[in-house]
Amino acid sequence: MSGAAAKPAASGGIGPTPSFNRRATTLLIPASLNLGITHVLAPALNGLMARSVEPEAAIGGYAIAMGVMGLVALPQMRIQQLTLVFLDDQGSLSQLRRFVALFALLSGLVAAVVAFTPVLDVLLDGVFATTGTLRAESAAALVALAPFPVLAIVRTHLYGVALRIGRPRLVWIGTGAGAVAVIAVAALVLWLDPSAGAAIAAIAVSAGAGVETLVLVTGTTGPLRRDLARSAGAPPTYGALLRFFGPLLVAAFLPAVTQPVINAILTRAPEPEASVAAVSLTFGVNQIFLIALWGVQPTLLALMARGENPAAARRFANIVGLITVGPSAVVAFIPALTSLVVHDWLGATGRLQEMTETGLRILALLPPIFVQEAIFTSAILRVRRAHLLVYVNAIRLVGLVAILLIGVNATDLSGGVIGITAIGGALVIEAIATVALGRGAQRQLERGWQPPFSF
């Protein structure tokens, strides 16, 4: 038997072996960087907007606009999972491409309606109750983000393709090119027009998504044609894809409304601009420390699709969760470092700085809990019980709204602290629900796994 066949057998022991850890890390690092790069770039973009003419309105306006367009681009949150589960050969690739193209087209049409029709006024005046500068910044950012949903859906599918066919280098290249484009374009727009405000980040994010998509289309075309197996059997039907993806889409909708729900409530609280901006800054900084967790789920799905040991994969993920705590806690609880990040790097002052620093402390110790959601969600998806995630995310949404309403109506906490507490509390509730509903799927995977035969 060849060395390639013998390799996976090494993961059949009690825990992750060095060989397994290397294979998992090779996937984890680019997958984490890819999915977490938005959160790495968020503090940089916020820092640039903080140096514009109306910093709080710019940061808050971009947060509102990105929350709306993130909801429009909803399929991107699950397209990669669909790709990792169903991509097997040329036939399945063709079906997936048509399926992804349909959802990209639909999202593009909705984005155009939101940005260029009176629906924009309904959202900003009625739903978010924005006025003055905050409303103007939100409107400008929505227009600049109009191309984003289509590009986001296509690029996420292509990143899934790269991981599934074992081309992590393409993920590195695409992510790096997109990040460079975002920062370069944002800096250029700020230099040309310091009053651009929220459009600084919105234009840059759309441009970066376009660069990533172009790089990935170019980079995956050849490997797919050469290396992907010819159709070995009947490709998945559109009905099968929709039965799997439909519940995922519903489940994705619920966390996608998190930011709009928070913004809609905080814009009605005292200090609305500072509160919305503080939530955006806090979440952006915190996600830098959690970047490794973003890659856990696609890594687990890719490993299991390649026949690796689910128990070893679970233990590897838990190690990643424990390692993640250190940096986030150090920055959150050492005042000098907290001030360095929030005040010196991001340019926040006064109440915005105070709320942001408190928010970082609230979220600092939660990574080991968050990683459980990724582990058991991967198990649920691998056994194709996607409908369970609808229940999980419904529970999360109820918890989010409850925490927000209690915080606003029954406490004297600042809006920024209430918003961050709601985000952290909702994620903890989601993790608990996912473990409860996913334990059966994880047991099924671990009991049913057999190490590859090798000698």
Protein backbone atom coordinates (compact mmCIF):
# COMPACT_ATOMS: atom_id res chain seq x y z
CA MET A 1 0.00 0.00 0.00
CA SER A 2 1.26 3.49 -0.80
CA GLY A 3 2.44 6.03 1.72
CA ALA A 4 -0.56 8.20 0.85
CA ALA A 5 -2.88 5.43 1.94
CA ALA A 6 -0.98 4.81 5.11
CA LYS A 7 -0.99 8.43 6.21
CA PRO A 8 -4.59 8.77 7.39
CA ALA A 9 -4.23 5.57 9.38
CA ALA A 10 -1.90 7.44 11.67
CA SER A 11 -4.88 9.33 13.07
CA GLY A 12 -6.55 6.21 14.26
CA GLY A 13 -4.95 6.27 17.71
CA ILE A 14 -6.22 7.62 20.98
CA GLY A 15 -5.57 11.26 20.14
CA PRO A 16 -4.25 13.51 17.40
CA THR A 17 -0.78 12.41 16.31
CA PRO A 18 1.91 14.82 15.09
CA SER A 19 1.16 13.69 11.53
CA PHE A 20 -2.55 14.38 11.99
CA ASN A 21 -1.86 17.74 13.60
CA ARG A 22 0.28 18.78 10.65
CA ARG A 23 -2.42 17.86 8.16
CA ALA A 24 -5.09 19.61 10.22
CA THR A 25 -2.99 22.72 10.74
CA THR A 26 -2.22 22.93 7.02
CA LEU A 27 -5.96 23.32 6.46
CA LEU A 28 -6.77 25.30 9.60
CA ILE A 29 -4.41 28.23 9.10
CA PRO A 30 -5.53 29.32 5.62
CA ALA A 31 -9.19 28.49 6.37
CA SER A 32 -9.05 30.60 9.54
CA LEU A 33 -7.33 33.47 7.80
CA ASN A 34 -9.83 33.32 4.96
CA LEU A 35 -12.95 33.36 7.12
CA GLY A 36 -11.47 35.64 9.77
CA ILE A 37 -9.79 38.20 7.54
CA THR A 38 -12.90 40.37 7.57
CA HIS A 39 -12.55 40.69 11.32
CA VAL A 40 -8.81 41.28 11.07
CA LEU A 41 -9.45 44.09 8.61
CA ALA A 42 -12.34 45.58 10.60
CA PRO A 43 -10.15 47.34 13.19
CA ALA A 44 -7.95 48.72 10.41
CA LEU A 45 -10.98 50.01 8.52
CA ASN A 46 -12.46 51.41 11.73
CA GLY A 47 -9.13 53.07 12.44
CA LEU A 48 -9.16 54.73 9.04
CA MET A 49 -12.77 55.85 9.44
CA ALA A 50 -11.91 57.15 12.94
CA ARG A 51 -9.61 59.62 11.19
CA SER A 52 -12.34 60.91 8.88
CA VAL A 53 -14.29 64.13 9.40
CA GLU A 54 -17.21 62.50 11.31
CA PRO A 55 -15.62 59.39 12.90
CA GLU A 56 -18.46 58.06 15.08
CA ALA A 57 -21.08 58.56 12.36
CA ALA A 58 -18.77 56.94 9.80
CA ILE A 59 -18.10 53.84 11.91
CA GLY A 60 -21.74 53.54 12.95
CA GLY A 61 -23.02 54.11 9.40
CA TYR A 62 -20.73 51.44 7.98
CA ALA A 63 -21.78 49.00 10.73
CA ILE A 64 -25.44 49.52 9.85
CA ALA A 65 -24.86 49.21 6.09
CA MET A 66 -22.65 46.13 6.43
CA GLY A 67 -25.22 44.53 8.71
CA VAL A 68 -27.88 45.01 6.03
CA MET A 69 -25.70 43.82 3.13
CA GLY A 70 -24.45 40.92 5.21
CA LEU A 71 -28.06 39.86 5.49
CA VAL A 72 -28.53 40.23 1.73
CA ALA A 73 -25.39 38.14 1.17
CA LEU A 74 -26.78 35.49 3.48
CA PRO A 75 -26.00 32.45 1.28
CA GLN A 76 -22.26 33.10 1.60
CA MET A 77 -22.43 31.95 5.21
CA ARG A 78 -23.33 28.40 4.18
CA ILE A 79 -22.14 28.04 0.57
CA GLN A 80 -18.72 26.86 1.69
CA GLN A 81 -20.25 24.13 3.87
CA LEU A 82 -22.45 23.00 0.99
CA THR A 83 -19.38 22.85 -1.27
CA LEU A 84 -17.29 20.87 1.22
CA VAL A 85 -20.04 18.30 1.75
CA PHE A 86 -21.19 17.77 -1.86
CA LEU A 87 -18.16 18.38 -4.12
CA ASP A 88 -16.95 14.94 -5.25
CA ASP A 89 -16.44 14.97 -9.02
CA GLN A 90 -17.04 16.90 -12.24
CA GLY A 91 -20.76 16.18 -12.22
CA SER A 92 -21.29 17.50 -8.71
CA LEU A 93 -19.14 20.54 -9.54
CA SER A 94 -21.42 21.47 -12.45
CA GLN A 95 -24.51 21.17 -10.29
CA LEU A 96 -22.95 23.20 -7.50
CA ARG A 97 -21.91 25.95 -9.91
CA ARG A 98 -25.43 26.38 -11.22
CA PHE A 99 -26.84 26.29 -7.71
CA VAL A 100 -24.38 28.93 -6.46
CA ALA A 101 -24.95 31.13 -9.52
CA LEU A 102 -28.69 31.19 -8.85
CA PHE A 103 -28.28 32.39 -5.28
CA ALA A 104 -25.64 34.94 -6.30
CA LEU A 105 -28.05 36.38 -8.88
CA LEU A 106 -30.91 36.57 -6.39
CA SER A 107 -28.73 38.27 -3.79
CA GLY A 108 -27.50 40.77 -6.37
CA LEU A 109 -31.05 41.73 -7.29
CA VAL A 110 -32.00 42.24 -3.64
CA ALA A 111 -28.86 44.35 -3.06
CA ALA A 112 -29.80 46.61 -5.96
CA VAL A 113 -33.32 47.06 -4.59
CA VAL A 114 -31.98 47.92 -1.13
CA ALA A 115 -29.39 50.42 -2.36
CA PHE A 116 -31.18 52.14 -5.25
CA THR A 117 -34.92 52.17 -4.50
CA PRO A 118 -37.15 53.67 -1.78
CA VAL A 119 -36.54 50.50 0.24
CA LEU A 120 -33.39 52.31 1.42
CA ASP A 121 -35.53 55.03 3.02
CA VAL A 122 -37.77 52.45 4.70
CA LEU A 123 -34.75 50.74 6.25
CA LEU A 124 -32.90 53.82 7.42
CA ASP A 125 -35.91 55.86 8.56
CA GLY A 126 -38.21 53.11 9.84
CA VAL A 127 -36.15 50.11 10.88
CA PHE A 128 -33.00 51.82 12.17
CA ALA A 129 -34.48 55.24 12.95
CA THR A 130 -31.31 56.97 11.76
CA THR A 131 -31.14 60.72 11.37
CA GLY A 132 -28.68 63.39 10.31
CA THR A 133 -25.09 62.42 9.65
CA LEU A 134 -25.56 58.79 10.73
CA ARG A 135 -28.31 58.36 8.13
CA ALA A 136 -26.25 59.98 5.38
CA GLU A 137 -23.25 57.77 6.13
CA SER A 138 -25.40 54.61 6.18
CA ALA A 139 -26.98 55.47 2.83
CA ALA A 140 -23.62 56.15 1.15
CA ALA A 141 -22.19 52.87 2.47
CA LEU A 142 -25.19 50.85 1.23
CA VAL A 143 -24.68 52.16 -2.31
CA ALA A 144 -20.95 51.37 -2.25
CA LEU A 145 -21.65 47.85 -0.91
CA ALA A 146 -24.20 46.98 -3.62
CA PRO A 147 -21.79 44.66 -5.54
CA PHE A 148 -20.64 42.91 -2.38
CA PRO A 149 -23.29 40.16 -1.98
CA VAL A 150 -22.70 38.63 -5.43
CA LEU A 151 -18.94 38.67 -5.05
CA ALA A 152 -19.09 37.32 -1.48
CA ILE A 153 -21.19 34.30 -2.46
CA VAL A 154 -19.01 33.38 -5.44
CA ARG A 155 -15.71 33.78 -3.58
CA THR A 156 -16.90 31.71 -0.60
CA HIS A 157 -17.86 28.85 -2.90
CA LEU A 158 -14.45 29.05 -4.57
CA TYR A 159 -12.65 28.98 -1.23
CA GLY A 160 -14.60 25.82 -0.38
CA VAL A 161 -13.52 24.32 -3.69
CA ALA A 162 -9.86 25.09 -2.94
CA LEU A 163 -10.04 23.43 0.48
CA ARG A 164 -11.93 20.40 -0.80
CA ILE A 165 -9.41 19.63 -3.56
CA GLY A 166 -6.44 20.16 -1.26
CA ARG A 167 -5.19 23.52 -2.57
CA PRO A 168 -4.71 25.60 0.62
CA ARG A 169 -2.10 27.72 -1.20
CA LEU A 170 -4.90 29.23 -3.28
CA VAL A 171 -6.67 30.23 -0.08
CA TRP A 172 -3.51 32.00 1.09
CA ILE A 173 -3.10 33.82 -2.22
CA GLY A 174 -6.74 34.89 -2.54
CA THR A 175 -7.02 36.04 1.05
CA GLY A 176 -3.77 37.97 0.90
CA ALA A 177 -4.63 39.68 -2.36
CA GLY A 178 -8.05 40.68 -1.06
CA ALA A 179 -6.65 42.06 2.21
CA VAL A 180 -4.03 44.15 0.43
CA ALA A 181 -6.69 45.51 -1.92
CA VAL A 182 -9.02 46.46 0.95
CA ILE A 183 -6.39 48.40 2.89
CA ALA A 184 -4.92 50.05 -0.21
CA VAL A 185 -8.30 51.18 -1.53
CA ALA A 186 -9.47 52.42 1.89
CA ALA A 187 -6.28 54.43 2.41
CA LEU A 188 -6.57 55.88 -1.08
CA VAL A 189 -10.22 56.93 -0.59
CA LEU A 190 -9.39 58.53 2.79
CA TRP A 191 -6.46 60.41 1.24
CA LEU A 192 -8.57 61.64 -1.68
CA ASP A 193 -11.60 62.61 0.43
CA PRO A 194 -11.38 62.62 4.27
CA SER A 195 -15.09 63.42 4.39
CA ALA A 196 -16.00 60.14 2.62
CA GLY A 197 -16.75 58.56 6.00
CA ALA A 198 -18.43 55.16 5.86
CA ALA A 199 -17.82 54.93 2.11
CA ILE A 200 -14.09 54.58 2.87
CA ALA A 201 -14.67 51.05 4.17
CA ALA A 202 -17.60 50.19 1.91
CA ILE A 203 -15.76 50.92 -1.34
CA ALA A 204 -12.69 49.07 -0.09
CA VAL A 205 -14.59 45.95 0.95
CA SER A 206 -16.38 45.69 -2.41
CA ALA A 207 -13.09 46.16 -4.26
CA GLY A 208 -11.35 43.54 -2.13
CA ALA A 209 -14.11 40.98 -2.76
CA GLY A 210 -13.73 41.58 -6.49
CA VAL A 211 -9.97 40.99 -6.36
CA GLU A 212 -10.42 37.76 -4.37
CA THR A 213 -13.01 36.43 -6.80
CA LEU A 214 -10.78 37.13 -9.79
CA VAL A 215 -7.78 35.43 -8.17
CA LEU A 216 -9.80 32.35 -7.20
CA VAL A 217 -11.46 31.93 -10.57
CA THR A 218 -8.03 32.04 -12.19
CA GLY A 219 -6.41 29.76 -9.64
CA THR A 220 -9.04 27.01 -9.41
CA THR A 221 -9.90 26.55 -13.08
CA GLY A 222 -6.82 24.53 -13.99
CA PRO A 223 -6.71 22.24 -10.92
CA LEU A 224 -10.40 21.46 -11.22
CA ARG A 225 -10.03 20.51 -14.86
CA ARG A 226 -6.92 18.37 -14.26
CA ASP A 227 -7.39 16.81 -10.84
CA LEU A 228 -11.09 16.49 -10.07
CA ALA A 229 -12.38 13.00 -10.85
CA ARG A 230 -14.72 12.48 -13.78
CA SER A 231 -18.31 11.78 -12.82
CA ALA A 232 -18.28 8.48 -10.97
CA GLY A 233 -22.02 8.35 -10.42
CA ALA A 234 -25.17 10.42 -10.57
CA PRO A 235 -24.52 14.02 -9.43
CA PRO A 236 -26.59 15.39 -6.56
CA THR A 237 -29.97 16.62 -7.70
CA TYR A 238 -31.06 20.19 -7.16
CA GLY A 239 -33.66 18.81 -4.79
CA ALA A 240 -30.97 17.15 -2.67
CA LEU A 241 -28.90 20.33 -2.65
CA LEU A 242 -31.89 22.43 -1.68
CA ARG A 243 -32.99 20.02 1.07
CA PHE A 244 -29.53 20.37 2.61
CA PHE A 245 -29.04 24.06 1.89
CA GLY A 246 -32.54 25.28 2.73
CA PRO A 247 -32.28 24.62 6.48
CA LEU A 248 -28.73 26.00 6.41
CA LEU A 249 -30.02 29.20 4.83
CA VAL A 250 -32.72 29.57 7.45
CA ALA A 251 -30.15 28.88 10.16
CA ALA A 252 -27.79 31.43 8.61
CA PHE A 253 -30.52 34.07 8.58
CA LEU A 254 -30.86 34.01 12.35
CA PRO A 255 -27.24 34.94 13.23
CA ALA A 256 -27.14 37.31 10.25
CA VAL A 257 -29.83 39.45 11.86
CA THR A 258 -27.76 39.77 15.04
CA GLN A 259 -26.05 43.01 14.03
CA PRO A 260 -29.16 44.64 12.53
CA VAL A 261 -31.19 43.72 15.64
CA ILE A 262 -28.54 45.16 17.93
CA ASN A 263 -28.21 48.32 15.85
CA ALA A 264 -32.00 48.78 15.67
CA ILE A 265 -32.26 48.65 19.46
CA LEU A 266 -29.12 50.68 20.24
CA THR A 267 -30.08 53.51 17.88
CA ARG A 268 -33.06 54.05 20.20
CA ALA A 269 -30.91 53.99 23.35
CA PRO A 270 -28.92 56.88 24.85
CA GLU A 271 -25.67 57.72 23.03
CA PRO A 272 -26.72 55.84 19.86
CA GLU A 273 -23.76 56.73 17.65
CA ALA A 274 -21.15 55.90 20.31
CA SER A 275 -22.98 52.69 21.28
CA VAL A 276 -23.22 51.34 17.73
CA ALA A 277 -19.60 52.31 17.06
CA ALA A 278 -18.42 50.68 20.32
CA VAL A 279 -20.08 47.37 19.45
CA SER A 280 -18.46 47.47 16.02
CA LEU A 281 -15.00 48.26 17.43
CA THR A 282 -15.21 45.68 20.21
CA PHE A 283 -16.40 42.87 17.97
CA GLY A 284 -13.78 43.73 15.37
CA VAL A 285 -10.88 43.62 17.85
CA ASN A 286 -12.16 40.48 19.56
CA GLN A 287 -12.44 38.61 16.28
CA ILE A 288 -8.73 39.11 15.63
CA PHE A 289 -8.00 36.92 18.65
CA LEU A 290 -10.62 34.39 17.58
CA ILE A 291 -9.39 34.10 14.01
CA ALA A 292 -8.23 30.49 14.47
CA LEU A 293 -11.75 29.48 15.53
CA TRP A 294 -13.21 30.61 12.21
CA GLY A 295 -11.28 27.91 10.42
CA VAL A 296 -12.24 25.07 12.76
CA GLN A 297 -15.52 24.14 11.09
CA PRO A 298 -14.31 24.02 7.45
CA THR A 299 -11.18 22.20 8.63
CA LEU A 300 -13.23 19.54 10.40
CA LEU A 301 -15.50 19.11 7.38
CA ALA A 302 -12.54 18.83 5.01
CA LEU A 303 -10.77 16.32 7.28
CA MET A 304 -13.83 14.12 7.63
CA ALA A 305 -14.50 14.27 3.88
CA ARG A 306 -10.99 12.86 3.44
CA GLY A 307 -11.59 9.99 5.88
CA GLU A 308 -9.80 11.33 8.96
CA ASN A 309 -10.67 10.30 12.52
CA PRO A 310 -13.56 12.46 13.86
CA ALA A 311 -12.45 11.98 17.48
CA ALA A 312 -8.92 13.15 16.69
CA ALA A 313 -10.38 16.11 14.81
CA ARG A 314 -12.53 17.04 17.80
CA ARG A 315 -9.58 16.97 20.17
CA PHE A 316 -7.52 19.05 17.77
CA ALA A 317 -10.31 21.66 17.70
CA ASN A 318 -10.44 21.81 21.50
CA ILE A 319 -6.69 22.46 21.60
CA VAL A 320 -7.19 25.37 19.21
CA GLY A 321 -9.92 26.77 21.47
CA LEU A 322 -7.70 26.65 24.55
CA ILE A 323 -4.75 28.28 22.78
CA THR A 324 -6.99 31.12 21.61
CA VAL A 325 -7.84 32.29 25.15
CA GLY A 326 -4.35 33.55 26.01
CA PRO A 327 -3.90 36.51 23.65
CA SER A 328 -7.47 37.78 24.02
CA ALA A 329 -7.27 37.71 27.84
CA VAL A 330 -3.86 39.40 27.93
CA VAL A 331 -5.01 42.34 25.82
CA ALA A 332 -8.39 42.63 27.56
CA PHE A 333 -7.15 42.57 31.17
CA ILE A 334 -3.84 44.45 31.00
CA PRO A 335 -4.95 48.10 30.93
CA ALA A 336 -1.86 49.39 29.15
CA LEU A 337 -2.34 46.94 26.27
CA THR A 338 -6.09 47.59 26.15
CA SER A 339 -5.51 51.32 25.87
CA LEU A 340 -2.79 50.79 23.27
CA VAL A 341 -5.17 48.86 21.02
CA VAL A 342 -8.34 50.86 21.55
CA HIS A 343 -7.00 54.40 21.95
CA ASP A 344 -3.64 54.50 20.16
CA TRP A 345 -4.31 52.10 17.29
CA LEU A 346 -8.03 52.58 16.71
CA GLY A 347 -8.21 56.23 17.70
CA ALA A 348 -11.18 55.81 20.09
CA THR A 349 -11.53 58.38 22.88
CA GLY A 350 -13.96 59.29 25.66
CA ARG A 351 -17.12 57.22 25.97
CA LEU A 352 -16.33 55.25 22.81
CA GLN A 353 -13.00 54.12 24.30
CA GLU A 354 -14.57 53.30 27.67
CA MET A 355 -17.36 51.15 26.20
CA THR A 356 -15.00 49.37 23.82
CA GLU A 357 -12.53 48.41 26.57
CA THR A 358 -15.33 47.06 28.77
CA GLY A 359 -16.67 45.05 25.85
CA LEU A 360 -13.29 43.41 25.25
CA ARG A 361 -13.22 42.17 28.85
CA ILE A 362 -16.71 40.69 28.52
CA LEU A 363 -15.72 38.52 25.53
CA ALA A 364 -12.13 37.66 26.45
CA LEU A 365 -12.58 34.25 28.16
CA LEU A 366 -15.21 32.69 25.90
CA PRO A 367 -13.22 30.98 23.06
CA PRO A 368 -13.30 27.43 24.58
CA ILE A 369 -17.09 27.71 24.66
CA PHE A 370 -17.32 29.07 21.14
CA VAL A 371 -15.26 26.21 19.68
CA GLN A 372 -17.85 23.68 20.87
CA GLU A 373 -20.35 25.18 18.44
CA ALA A 374 -17.93 24.60 15.56
CA ILE A 375 -17.22 20.99 16.57
CA PHE A 376 -20.80 19.84 16.93
CA THR A 377 -22.08 21.88 13.97
CA SER A 378 -19.51 20.08 11.81
CA ALA A 379 -20.83 16.75 13.04
CA ILE A 380 -24.42 17.76 12.29
CA LEU A 381 -23.48 18.82 8.76
CA ARG A 382 -21.39 15.73 8.07
CA VAL A 383 -24.35 13.44 8.81
CA ARG A 384 -26.57 15.85 6.82
CA ARG A 385 -29.01 16.80 9.59
CA ALA A 386 -28.94 20.47 8.70
CA HIS A 387 -32.47 21.05 10.01
CA LEU A 388 -31.13 20.86 13.58
CA LEU A 389 -29.25 24.11 13.03
CA VAL A 390 -32.54 25.93 12.52
CA TYR A 391 -33.50 25.07 16.11
CA VAL A 392 -30.06 26.06 17.38
CA ASN A 393 -30.13 29.48 15.78
CA ALA A 394 -33.73 30.15 16.75
CA ILE A 395 -32.71 29.58 20.37
CA ARG A 396 -29.76 31.92 19.85
CA LEU A 397 -31.97 34.69 18.44
CA VAL A 398 -34.43 34.45 21.33
CA GLY A 399 -31.54 34.69 23.78
CA LEU A 400 -30.09 37.70 21.94
CA VAL A 401 -33.35 39.65 21.96
CA ALA A 402 -34.02 38.77 25.60
CA ILE A 403 -30.60 40.00 26.74
CA LEU A 404 -30.95 43.22 24.73
CA LEU A 405 -34.41 44.01 26.07
CA ILE A 406 -33.43 43.26 29.66
CA GLY A 407 -30.28 45.34 29.30
CA VAL A 408 -32.04 48.36 27.82
CA ASN A 409 -35.14 48.31 30.05
CA ALA A 410 -33.88 46.93 33.37
CA THR A 411 -30.30 48.21 33.73
CA ASP A 412 -28.42 51.47 33.52
CA LEU A 413 -25.56 49.95 31.50
CA SER A 414 -24.29 51.84 28.48
CA GLY A 415 -25.57 50.82 25.06
CA GLY A 416 -22.18 49.51 23.95
CA VAL A 417 -21.87 47.20 26.97
CA ILE A 418 -25.42 45.94 26.49
CA GLY A 419 -24.74 45.18 22.84
CA ILE A 420 -21.53 43.25 23.52
CA THR A 421 -23.11 41.35 26.42
CA ALA A 422 -25.93 40.35 24.11
CA ILE A 423 -23.50 39.12 21.43
CA GLY A 424 -21.44 37.09 23.90
CA GLY A 425 -24.47 35.70 25.71
CA ALA A 426 -26.17 34.69 22.46
CA LEU A 427 -23.04 32.85 21.28
CA VAL A 428 -22.81 30.96 24.57
CA ILE A 429 -26.48 29.99 24.29
CA GLU A 430 -25.83 28.83 20.71
CA ALA A 431 -22.90 26.67 21.82
CA ILE A 432 -24.94 25.00 24.54
CA ALA A 433 -27.82 24.26 22.17
CA THR A 434 -25.48 22.93 19.47
CA VAL A 435 -23.79 20.51 21.89
CA ALA A 436 -27.16 19.30 23.13
CA LEU A 437 -28.52 18.64 19.63
CA GLY A 438 -25.26 17.51 18.03
CA ARG A 439 -24.02 14.91 20.50
CA GLY A 440 -25.79 12.11 18.65
CA ALA A 441 -24.21 13.10 15.34
CA GLN A 442 -20.74 13.26 16.89
CA ARG A 443 -21.17 9.82 18.48
CA GLN A 444 -22.36 8.41 15.16
CA LEU A 445 -19.27 9.70 13.39
CA GLU A 446 -16.82 8.50 16.02
CA ARG A 447 -18.36 5.04 16.37
CA GLY A 448 -18.71 4.54 12.64
CA TRP A 449 -15.18 5.60 11.71
CA GLN A 450 -12.78 2.87 10.60
CA PRO A 451 -9.06 3.50 10.03
CA PRO A 452 -7.99 2.91 6.42
CA PHE A 453 -6.46 -0.50 5.78
CA SER A 454 -2.72 -0.21 5.39
CA PHE A 455 0.44 -2.30 5.75
